[in-house]
Full PDB file with SEQRES, HELIX, SHEET, SSBOND, CRYST1, ORIGX, SCALE, CONECT and MASTER records, all heavy atoms in Angstrom:
SEQRES   1 A   37  MET GLY GLU HIS ALA MET LEU THR ILE ALA ALA ILE THR          
SEQRES   2 A   37  LEU LEU GLY GLY ALA CYS GLN TRP LEU ALA TRP ARG LEU          
SEQRES   3 A   37  ARG LEU PRO ALA ILE LEU PHE LEU LEU ILE THR                  
HELIX    1 AA1 GLY A    2  LEU A   26  1                                  25    
HELIX    2 AA2 ALA A   30  ILE A   36  1                                   7    
CRYST1    1.000    1.000    1.000  90.00  90.00  90.00 P 1           1          
ORIGX1      1.000000  0.000000  0.000000        0.00000                         
ORIGX2      0.000000  1.000000  0.000000        0.00000                         
ORIGX3      0.000000  0.000000  1.000000        0.00000                         
SCALE1      1.000000  0.000000  0.000000        0.00000                         
SCALE2      0.000000  1.000000  0.000000        0.00000                         
SCALE3      0.000000  0.000000  1.000000        0.00000                         
ATOM      1  N   MET A   1     -12.327  76.313   6.014  1.00  0.00           N  
ATOM      2  CA  MET A   1     -11.908  77.612   6.547  1.00  0.00           C  
ATOM      3  C   MET A   1     -10.581  77.486   7.279  1.00  0.00           C  
ATOM      4  O   MET A   1      -9.671  78.291   7.130  1.00  0.00           O  
ATOM      5  CB  MET A   1     -12.988  78.138   7.504  1.00  0.00           C  
ATOM      6  CG  MET A   1     -12.774  79.599   7.924  1.00  0.00           C  
ATOM      7  SD  MET A   1     -12.998  80.718   6.526  1.00  0.00           S  
ATOM      8  CE  MET A   1     -12.607  82.272   7.313  1.00  0.00           C  
ATOM      9  N   GLY A   2     -10.457  76.404   8.091  1.00  0.00           N  
ATOM     10  CA  GLY A   2      -9.218  76.191   8.814  1.00  0.00           C  
ATOM     11  C   GLY A   2      -8.060  75.927   7.882  1.00  0.00           C  
ATOM     12  O   GLY A   2      -6.941  76.413   8.099  1.00  0.00           O  
ATOM     13  N   GLU A   3      -8.322  75.149   6.818  1.00  0.00           N  
ATOM     14  CA  GLU A   3      -7.266  74.861   5.856  1.00  0.00           C  
ATOM     15  C   GLU A   3      -6.834  76.123   5.129  1.00  0.00           C  
ATOM     16  O   GLU A   3      -5.640  76.347   4.888  1.00  0.00           O  
ATOM     17  CB  GLU A   3      -7.768  73.813   4.858  1.00  0.00           C  
ATOM     18  CG  GLU A   3      -6.698  73.379   3.850  1.00  0.00           C  
ATOM     19  CD  GLU A   3      -7.211  72.302   2.922  1.00  0.00           C  
ATOM     20  OE1 GLU A   3      -8.279  71.725   3.222  1.00  0.00           O  
ATOM     21  OE2 GLU A   3      -6.543  72.045   1.901  1.00  0.00           O  
ATOM     22  N   HIS A   4      -7.788  76.975   4.798  1.00  0.00           N  
ATOM     23  CA  HIS A   4      -7.467  78.248   4.134  1.00  0.00           C  
ATOM     24  C   HIS A   4      -6.609  79.129   5.043  1.00  0.00           C  
ATOM     25  O   HIS A   4      -5.647  79.755   4.578  1.00  0.00           O  
ATOM     26  CB  HIS A   4      -8.762  78.977   3.765  1.00  0.00           C  
ATOM     27  CG  HIS A   4      -8.530  80.366   3.241  1.00  0.00           C  
ATOM     28  ND1 HIS A   4      -8.006  80.604   1.991  1.00  0.00           N  
ATOM     29  CD2 HIS A   4      -8.745  81.596   3.822  1.00  0.00           C  
ATOM     30  CE1 HIS A   4      -7.914  81.914   1.806  1.00  0.00           C  
ATOM     31  NE2 HIS A   4      -8.353  82.530   2.898  1.00  0.00           N  
ATOM     32  N   ALA A   5      -6.955  79.179   6.339  1.00  0.00           N  
ATOM     33  CA  ALA A   5      -6.180  79.991   7.277  1.00  0.00           C  
ATOM     34  C   ALA A   5      -4.751  79.473   7.387  1.00  0.00           C  
ATOM     35  O   ALA A   5      -3.788  80.246   7.450  1.00  0.00           O  
ATOM     36  CB  ALA A   5      -6.848  79.983   8.653  1.00  0.00           C  
ATOM     37  N   MET A   6      -4.610  78.127   7.393  1.00  0.00           N  
ATOM     38  CA  MET A   6      -3.275  77.536   7.480  1.00  0.00           C  
ATOM     39  C   MET A   6      -2.436  77.911   6.262  1.00  0.00           C  
ATOM     40  O   MET A   6      -1.260  78.276   6.382  1.00  0.00           O  
ATOM     41  CB  MET A   6      -3.385  76.016   7.602  1.00  0.00           C  
ATOM     42  CG  MET A   6      -2.878  75.507   8.940  1.00  0.00           C  
ATOM     43  SD  MET A   6      -2.676  73.716   8.945  1.00  0.00           S  
ATOM     44  CE  MET A   6      -4.289  73.188   8.423  1.00  0.00           C  
ATOM     45  N   LEU A   7      -3.026  77.808   5.100  1.00  0.00           N  
ATOM     46  CA  LEU A   7      -2.307  78.149   3.881  1.00  0.00           C  
ATOM     47  C   LEU A   7      -1.939  79.630   3.854  1.00  0.00           C  
ATOM     48  O   LEU A   7      -0.850  80.005   3.396  1.00  0.00           O  
ATOM     49  CB  LEU A   7      -3.166  77.804   2.661  1.00  0.00           C  
ATOM     50  CG  LEU A   7      -3.360  76.303   2.375  1.00  0.00           C  
ATOM     51  CD1 LEU A   7      -4.361  76.104   1.234  1.00  0.00           C  
ATOM     52  CD2 LEU A   7      -2.014  75.659   2.018  1.00  0.00           C  
ATOM     53  N   THR A   8      -2.840  80.473   4.346  1.00  0.00           N  
ATOM     54  CA  THR A   8      -2.568  81.907   4.372  1.00  0.00           C  
ATOM     55  C   THR A   8      -1.396  82.231   5.288  1.00  0.00           C  
ATOM     56  O   THR A   8      -0.499  83.014   4.938  1.00  0.00           O  
ATOM     57  CB  THR A   8      -3.811  82.680   4.841  1.00  0.00           C  
ATOM     58  OG1 THR A   8      -4.906  82.370   3.973  1.00  0.00           O  
ATOM     59  CG2 THR A   8      -3.553  84.174   4.814  1.00  0.00           C  
ATOM     60  N   ILE A   9      -1.387  81.636   6.474  1.00  0.00           N  
ATOM     61  CA  ILE A   9      -0.299  81.872   7.422  1.00  0.00           C  
ATOM     62  C   ILE A   9       1.028  81.378   6.845  1.00  0.00           C  
ATOM     63  O   ILE A   9       2.069  82.048   6.962  1.00  0.00           O  
ATOM     64  CB  ILE A   9      -0.594  81.181   8.767  1.00  0.00           C  
ATOM     65  CG1 ILE A   9      -1.801  81.852   9.437  1.00  0.00           C  
ATOM     66  CG2 ILE A   9       0.623  81.237   9.693  1.00  0.00           C  
ATOM     67  CD1 ILE A   9      -2.285  81.131  10.680  1.00  0.00           C  
ATOM     68  N   ALA A  10       1.009  80.215   6.206  1.00  0.00           N  
ATOM     69  CA  ALA A  10       2.229  79.691   5.587  1.00  0.00           C  
ATOM     70  C   ALA A  10       2.713  80.624   4.483  1.00  0.00           C  
ATOM     71  O   ALA A  10       3.924  80.878   4.350  1.00  0.00           O  
ATOM     72  CB  ALA A  10       1.967  78.293   5.022  1.00  0.00           C  
ATOM     73  N   ALA A  11       1.767  81.157   3.696  1.00  0.00           N  
ATOM     74  CA  ALA A  11       2.143  82.064   2.609  1.00  0.00           C  
ATOM     75  C   ALA A  11       2.722  83.364   3.159  1.00  0.00           C  
ATOM     76  O   ALA A  11       3.685  83.917   2.598  1.00  0.00           O  
ATOM     77  CB  ALA A  11       0.920  82.354   1.738  1.00  0.00           C  
ATOM     78  N   ILE A  12       2.152  83.870   4.259  1.00  0.00           N  
ATOM     79  CA  ILE A  12       2.681  85.087   4.876  1.00  0.00           C  
ATOM     80  C   ILE A  12       4.120  84.874   5.330  1.00  0.00           C  
ATOM     81  O   ILE A  12       4.996  85.717   5.113  1.00  0.00           O  
ATOM     82  CB  ILE A  12       1.801  85.513   6.068  1.00  0.00           C  
ATOM     83  CG1 ILE A  12       0.422  85.960   5.578  1.00  0.00           C  
ATOM     84  CG2 ILE A  12       2.473  86.633   6.869  1.00  0.00           C  
ATOM     85  CD1 ILE A  12      -0.564  86.220   6.703  1.00  0.00           C  
ATOM     86  N   THR A  13       4.355  83.723   5.958  1.00  0.00           N  
ATOM     87  CA  THR A  13       5.713  83.416   6.425  1.00  0.00           C  
ATOM     88  C   THR A  13       6.680  83.314   5.252  1.00  0.00           C  
ATOM     89  O   THR A  13       7.812  83.823   5.310  1.00  0.00           O  
ATOM     90  CB  THR A  13       5.711  82.096   7.213  1.00  0.00           C  
ATOM     91  OG1 THR A  13       4.735  82.161   8.251  1.00  0.00           O  
ATOM     92  CG2 THR A  13       7.070  81.832   7.825  1.00  0.00           C  
ATOM     93  N   LEU A  14       6.237  82.670   4.179  1.00  0.00           N  
ATOM     94  CA  LEU A  14       7.085  82.522   2.995  1.00  0.00           C  
ATOM     95  C   LEU A  14       7.371  83.875   2.354  1.00  0.00           C  
ATOM     96  O   LEU A  14       8.510  84.183   1.983  1.00  0.00           O  
ATOM     97  CB  LEU A  14       6.409  81.590   1.990  1.00  0.00           C  
ATOM     98  CG  LEU A  14       7.215  81.269   0.723  1.00  0.00           C  
ATOM     99  CD1 LEU A  14       8.509  80.552   1.079  1.00  0.00           C  
ATOM    100  CD2 LEU A  14       6.379  80.428  -0.231  1.00  0.00           C  
ATOM    101  N   LEU A  15       6.337  84.707   2.220  1.00  0.00           N  
ATOM    102  CA  LEU A  15       6.528  86.042   1.656  1.00  0.00           C  
ATOM    103  C   LEU A  15       7.465  86.878   2.532  1.00  0.00           C  
ATOM    104  O   LEU A  15       8.320  87.612   2.027  1.00  0.00           O  
ATOM    105  CB  LEU A  15       5.175  86.748   1.518  1.00  0.00           C  
ATOM    106  CG  LEU A  15       4.253  86.266   0.397  1.00  0.00           C  
ATOM    107  CD1 LEU A  15       2.884  86.923   0.521  1.00  0.00           C  
ATOM    108  CD2 LEU A  15       4.866  86.569  -0.959  1.00  0.00           C  
ATOM    109  N   GLY A  16       7.286  86.765   3.851  1.00  0.00           N  
ATOM    110  CA  GLY A  16       8.151  87.505   4.764  1.00  0.00           C  
ATOM    111  C   GLY A  16       9.601  87.074   4.648  1.00  0.00           C  
ATOM    112  O   GLY A  16      10.514  87.911   4.649  1.00  0.00           O  
ATOM    113  N   GLY A  17       9.820  85.757   4.529  1.00  0.00           N  
ATOM    114  CA  GLY A  17      11.186  85.268   4.342  1.00  0.00           C  
ATOM    115  C   GLY A  17      11.800  85.774   3.049  1.00  0.00           C  
ATOM    116  O   GLY A  17      12.986  86.134   3.006  1.00  0.00           O  
ATOM    117  N   ALA A  18      10.988  85.827   1.997  1.00  0.00           N  
ATOM    118  CA  ALA A  18      11.479  86.342   0.716  1.00  0.00           C  
ATOM    119  C   ALA A  18      11.841  87.823   0.831  1.00  0.00           C  
ATOM    120  O   ALA A  18      12.842  88.280   0.263  1.00  0.00           O  
ATOM    121  CB  ALA A  18      10.417  86.135  -0.370  1.00  0.00           C  
ATOM    122  N   CYS A  19      11.036  88.579   1.580  1.00  0.00           N  
ATOM    123  CA  CYS A  19      11.331  90.006   1.785  1.00  0.00           C  
ATOM    124  C   CYS A  19      12.636  90.190   2.552  1.00  0.00           C  
ATOM    125  O   CYS A  19      13.449  91.061   2.220  1.00  0.00           O  
ATOM    126  CB  CYS A  19      10.189  90.667   2.544  1.00  0.00           C  
ATOM    127  SG  CYS A  19       8.653  90.829   1.612  1.00  0.00           S  
ATOM    128  N   GLN A  20      12.836  89.379   3.591  1.00  0.00           N  
ATOM    129  CA  GLN A  20      14.068  89.468   4.367  1.00  0.00           C  
ATOM    130  C   GLN A  20      15.284  89.128   3.500  1.00  0.00           C  
ATOM    131  O   GLN A  20      16.335  89.772   3.593  1.00  0.00           O  
ATOM    132  CB  GLN A  20      13.999  88.525   5.571  1.00  0.00           C  
ATOM    133  CG  GLN A  20      12.964  88.896   6.625  1.00  0.00           C  
ATOM    134  CD  GLN A  20      13.397  90.065   7.484  1.00  0.00           C  
ATOM    135  OE1 GLN A  20      14.508  90.569   7.364  1.00  0.00           O  
ATOM    136  NE2 GLN A  20      12.513  90.497   8.370  1.00  0.00           N  
ATOM    137  N   TRP A  21      15.141  88.112   2.669  1.00  0.00           N  
ATOM    138  CA  TRP A  21      16.248  87.735   1.787  1.00  0.00           C  
ATOM    139  C   TRP A  21      16.554  88.837   0.779  1.00  0.00           C  
ATOM    140  O   TRP A  21      17.724  89.165   0.537  1.00  0.00           O  
ATOM    141  CB  TRP A  21      15.899  86.445   1.050  1.00  0.00           C  
ATOM    142  CG  TRP A  21      16.954  86.017   0.069  1.00  0.00           C  
ATOM    143  CD1 TRP A  21      18.093  85.304   0.332  1.00  0.00           C  
ATOM    144  CD2 TRP A  21      16.982  86.305  -1.335  1.00  0.00           C  
ATOM    145  NE1 TRP A  21      18.823  85.123  -0.819  1.00  0.00           N  
ATOM    146  CE2 TRP A  21      18.169  85.728  -1.857  1.00  0.00           C  
ATOM    147  CE3 TRP A  21      16.126  86.988  -2.202  1.00  0.00           C  
ATOM    148  CZ2 TRP A  21      18.506  85.822  -3.203  1.00  0.00           C  
ATOM    149  CZ3 TRP A  21      16.464  87.079  -3.533  1.00  0.00           C  
ATOM    150  CH2 TRP A  21      17.640  86.497  -4.028  1.00  0.00           C  
ATOM    151  N   LEU A  22      15.506  89.412   0.190  1.00  0.00           N  
ATOM    152  CA  LEU A  22      15.703  90.477  -0.788  1.00  0.00           C  
ATOM    153  C   LEU A  22      16.372  91.688  -0.137  1.00  0.00           C  
ATOM    154  O   LEU A  22      17.262  92.315  -0.730  1.00  0.00           O  
ATOM    155  CB  LEU A  22      14.352  90.874  -1.400  1.00  0.00           C  
ATOM    156  CG  LEU A  22      14.385  91.899  -2.541  1.00  0.00           C  
ATOM    157  CD1 LEU A  22      15.197  91.368  -3.710  1.00  0.00           C  
ATOM    158  CD2 LEU A  22      12.964  92.243  -2.986  1.00  0.00           C  
ATOM    159  N   ALA A  23      15.961  92.008   1.079  1.00  0.00           N  
ATOM    160  CA  ALA A  23      16.577  93.128   1.793  1.00  0.00           C  
ATOM    161  C   ALA A  23      18.047  92.857   2.072  1.00  0.00           C  
ATOM    162  O   ALA A  23      18.888  93.755   1.971  1.00  0.00           O  
ATOM    163  CB  ALA A  23      15.825  93.370   3.106  1.00  0.00           C  
ATOM    164  N   TRP A  24      18.356  91.600   2.412  1.00  0.00           N  
ATOM    165  CA  TRP A  24      19.746  91.232   2.665  1.00  0.00           C  
ATOM    166  C   TRP A  24      20.581  91.352   1.399  1.00  0.00           C  
ATOM    167  O   TRP A  24      21.711  91.859   1.427  1.00  0.00           O  
ATOM    168  CB  TRP A  24      19.787  89.795   3.195  1.00  0.00           C  
ATOM    169  CG  TRP A  24      21.149  89.191   3.224  1.00  0.00           C  
ATOM    170  CD1 TRP A  24      22.190  89.522   4.057  1.00  0.00           C  
ATOM    171  CD2 TRP A  24      21.636  88.145   2.369  1.00  0.00           C  
ATOM    172  NE1 TRP A  24      23.280  88.735   3.783  1.00  0.00           N  
ATOM    173  CE2 TRP A  24      22.986  87.884   2.748  1.00  0.00           C  
ATOM    174  CE3 TRP A  24      21.070  87.401   1.335  1.00  0.00           C  
ATOM    175  CZ2 TRP A  24      23.760  86.916   2.124  1.00  0.00           C  
ATOM    176  CZ3 TRP A  24      21.842  86.432   0.718  1.00  0.00           C  
ATOM    177  CH2 TRP A  24      23.169  86.204   1.112  1.00  0.00           C  
ATOM    178  N   ARG A  25      20.037  90.935   0.273  1.00  0.00           N  
ATOM    179  CA  ARG A  25      20.783  90.992  -0.976  1.00  0.00           C  
ATOM    180  C   ARG A  25      21.010  92.426  -1.434  1.00  0.00           C  
ATOM    181  O   ARG A  25      22.081  92.768  -1.937  1.00  0.00           O  
ATOM    182  CB  ARG A  25      20.029  90.226  -2.068  1.00  0.00           C  
ATOM    183  CG  ARG A  25      19.946  88.740  -1.855  1.00  0.00           C  
ATOM    184  CD  ARG A  25      21.303  88.067  -1.926  1.00  0.00           C  
ATOM    185  NE  ARG A  25      21.959  88.244  -3.213  1.00  0.00           N  
ATOM    186  CZ  ARG A  25      23.192  87.848  -3.485  1.00  0.00           C  
ATOM    187  NH1 ARG A  25      23.905  87.256  -2.539  1.00  0.00           N  
ATOM    188  NH2 ARG A  25      23.723  88.032  -4.671  1.00  0.00           N  
ATOM    189  N   LEU A  26      19.991  93.280  -1.254  1.00  0.00           N  
ATOM    190  CA  LEU A  26      20.081  94.661  -1.728  1.00  0.00           C  
ATOM    191  C   LEU A  26      20.624  95.611  -0.671  1.00  0.00           C  
ATOM    192  O   LEU A  26      20.817  96.800  -0.929  1.00  0.00           O  
ATOM    193  CB  LEU A  26      18.704  95.155  -2.191  1.00  0.00           C  
ATOM    194  CG  LEU A  26      18.071  94.376  -3.348  1.00  0.00           C  
ATOM    195  CD1 LEU A  26      16.711  94.954  -3.708  1.00  0.00           C  
ATOM    196  CD2 LEU A  26      18.994  94.384  -4.577  1.00  0.00           C  
ATOM    197  N   ARG A  27      20.845  95.092   0.558  1.00  0.00           N  
ATOM    198  CA  ARG A  27      21.368  95.895   1.669  1.00  0.00           C  
ATOM    199  C   ARG A  27      20.479  97.099   1.949  1.00  0.00           C  
ATOM    200  O   ARG A  27      20.929  98.239   2.101  1.00  0.00           O  
ATOM    201  CB  ARG A  27      22.797  96.355   1.383  1.00  0.00           C  
ATOM    202  CG  ARG A  27      23.775  95.209   1.184  1.00  0.00           C  
ATOM    203  CD  ARG A  27      25.195  95.697   1.068  1.00  0.00           C  
ATOM    204  NE  ARG A  27      26.107  94.621   0.722  1.00  0.00           N  
ATOM    205  CZ  ARG A  27      27.418  94.752   0.609  1.00  0.00           C  
ATOM    206  NH1 ARG A  27      27.975  95.922   0.818  1.00  0.00           N  
ATOM    207  NH2 ARG A  27      28.171  93.720   0.284  1.00  0.00           N  
ATOM    208  N   LEU A  28      19.176  96.829   1.990  1.00  0.00           N  
ATOM    209  CA  LEU A  28      18.185  97.847   2.330  1.00  0.00           C  
ATOM    210  C   LEU A  28      17.375  97.341   3.515  1.00  0.00           C  
ATOM    211  O   LEU A  28      17.301  96.140   3.760  1.00  0.00           O  
ATOM    212  CB  LEU A  28      17.258  98.123   1.137  1.00  0.00           C  
ATOM    213  CG  LEU A  28      17.877  98.834  -0.070  1.00  0.00           C  
ATOM    214  CD1 LEU A  28      16.882  98.879  -1.214  1.00  0.00           C  
ATOM    215  CD2 LEU A  28      18.315 100.252   0.300  1.00  0.00           C  
ATOM    216  N   PRO A  29      16.751  98.247   4.273  1.00  0.00           N  
ATOM    217  CA  PRO A  29      15.942  97.801   5.410  1.00  0.00           C  
ATOM    218  C   PRO A  29      14.817  96.866   4.971  1.00  0.00           C  
ATOM    219  O   PRO A  29      14.100  97.144   4.003  1.00  0.00           O  
ATOM    220  CB  PRO A  29      15.386  99.113   5.977  1.00  0.00           C  
ATOM    221  CG  PRO A  29      16.361 100.161   5.536  1.00  0.00           C  
ATOM    222  CD  PRO A  29      16.833  99.715   4.184  1.00  0.00           C  
ATOM    223  N   ALA A  30      14.654  95.764   5.688  1.00  0.00           N  
ATOM    224  CA  ALA A  30      13.620  94.792   5.333  1.00  0.00           C  
ATOM    225  C   ALA A  30      12.225  95.372   5.464  1.00  0.00           C  
ATOM    226  O   ALA A  30      11.291  94.935   4.777  1.00  0.00           O  
ATOM    227  CB  ALA A  30      13.757  93.552   6.214  1.00  0.00           C  
ATOM    228  N   ILE A  31      12.072  96.354   6.341  1.00  0.00           N  
ATOM    229  CA  ILE A  31      10.763  96.956   6.563  1.00  0.00           C  
ATOM    230  C   ILE A  31      10.175  97.495   5.261  1.00  0.00           C  
ATOM    231  O   ILE A  31       8.962  97.448   5.043  1.00  0.00           O  
ATOM    232  CB  ILE A  31      10.868  98.076   7.616  1.00  0.00           C  
ATOM    233  CG1 ILE A  31       9.511  98.711   7.871  1.00  0.00           C  
ATOM    234  CG2 ILE A  31      11.865  99.119   7.214  1.00  0.00           C  
ATOM    235  CD1 ILE A  31       9.539  99.790   8.945  1.00  0.00           C  
ATOM    236  N   LEU A  32      11.023  97.983   4.377  1.00  0.00           N  
ATOM    237  CA  LEU A  32      10.560  98.552   3.107  1.00  0.00           C  
ATOM    238  C   LEU A  32       9.817  97.499   2.287  1.00  0.00           C  
ATOM    239  O   LEU A  32       8.704  97.728   1.811  1.00  0.00           O  
ATOM    240  CB  LEU A  32      11.756  99.105   2.333  1.00  0.00           C  
ATOM    241  CG  LEU A  32      11.482  99.684   0.946  1.00  0.00           C  
ATOM    242  CD1 LEU A  32      10.529 100.851   1.036  1.00  0.00           C  
ATOM    243  CD2 LEU A  32      12.788 100.103   0.284  1.00  0.00           C  
ATOM    244  N   PHE A  33      10.402  96.326   2.156  1.00  0.00           N  
ATOM    245  CA  PHE A  33       9.802  95.261   1.345  1.00  0.00           C  
ATOM    246  C   PHE A  33       8.618  94.609   2.062  1.00  0.00           C  
ATOM    247  O   PHE A  33       7.656  94.188   1.424  1.00  0.00           O  
ATOM    248  CB  PHE A  33      10.864  94.222   1.002  1.00  0.00           C  
ATOM    249  CG  PHE A  33      12.047  94.795   0.276  1.00  0.00           C  
ATOM    250  CD1 PHE A  33      13.224  95.077   0.952  1.00  0.00           C  
ATOM    251  CD2 PHE A  33      11.972  95.084  -1.072  1.00  0.00           C  
ATOM    252  CE1 PHE A  33      14.306  95.623   0.293  1.00  0.00           C  
ATOM    253  CE2 PHE A  33      13.046  95.632  -1.746  1.00  0.00           C  
ATOM    254  CZ  PHE A  33      14.221  95.904  -1.054  1.00  0.00           C  
ATOM    255  N   LEU A  34       8.692  94.537   3.386  1.00  0.00           N  
ATOM    256  CA  LEU A  34       7.575  93.972   4.146  1.00  0.00           C  
ATOM    257  C   LEU A  34       6.338  94.851   4.033  1.00  0.00           C  
ATOM    258  O   LEU A  34       5.214  94.357   3.873  1.00  0.00           O  
ATOM    259  CB  LEU A  34       7.975  93.805   5.614  1.00  0.00           C  
ATOM    260  CG  LEU A  34       9.060  92.758   5.900  1.00  0.00           C  
ATOM    261  CD1 LEU A  34       9.512  92.856   7.344  1.00  0.00           C  
ATOM    262  CD2 LEU A  34       8.547  91.356   5.601  1.00  0.00           C  
ATOM    263  N   LEU A  35       6.538  96.159   4.124  1.00  0.00           N  
ATOM    264  CA  LEU A  35       5.407  97.087   4.004  1.00  0.00           C  
ATOM    265  C   LEU A  35       4.785  97.038   2.612  1.00  0.00           C  
ATOM    266  O   LEU A  35       3.563  97.005   2.460  1.00  0.00           O  
ATOM    267  CB  LEU A  35       5.867  98.509   4.327  1.00  0.00           C  
ATOM    268  CG  LEU A  35       6.192  98.815   5.785  1.00  0.00           C  
ATOM    269  CD1 LEU A  35       6.743 100.228   5.925  1.00  0.00           C  
ATOM    270  CD2 LEU A  35       4.963  98.646   6.667  1.00  0.00           C  
ATOM    271  N   ILE A  36       5.643  97.033   1.612  1.00  0.00           N  
ATOM    272  CA  ILE A  36       5.134  96.981   0.235  1.00  0.00           C  
ATOM    273  C   ILE A  36       4.348  95.687   0.010  1.00  0.00           C  
ATOM    274  O   ILE A  36       3.253  95.692  -0.576  1.00  0.00           O  
ATOM    275  CB  ILE A  36       6.297  97.090  -0.766  1.00  0.00           C  
ATOM    276  CG1 ILE A  36       6.934  98.478  -0.687  1.00  0.00           C  
ATOM    277  CG2 ILE A  36       5.812  96.800  -2.185  1.00  0.00           C  
ATOM    278  CD1 ILE A  36       8.179  98.631  -1.536  1.00  0.00           C  
ATOM    279  N   THR A  37       4.884  94.572   0.510  1.00  0.00           N  
ATOM    280  CA  THR A  37       4.197  93.284   0.363  1.00  0.00           C  
ATOM    281  C   THR A  37       2.845  93.303   1.061  1.00  0.00           C  
ATOM    282  O   THR A  37       1.830  92.849   0.504  1.00  0.00           O  
ATOM    283  CB  THR A  37       5.066  92.149   0.941  1.00  0.00           C  
ATOM    284  OG1 THR A  37       6.300  92.102   0.231  1.00  0.00           O  
ATOM    285  CG2 THR A  37       4.351  90.808   0.822  1.00  0.00           C  
TER     286      THR A  37                                                      
MASTER        0    0    0    2    0    0    0    6  285    1    0    3          
END                                                                             
C-alpha cells in the first residue's frame, strides 16, 4: 500500500510537470491542463 502511494504521488508530480510544460509551450494557463488531467 505504501509503495503504491509513493508511485501515485510520483506520477501526480510527473503529470503536473508535463501539464506545466505543455501550458508553457502553448502559452495557455496551466490550470486548464491540470484540471483536465
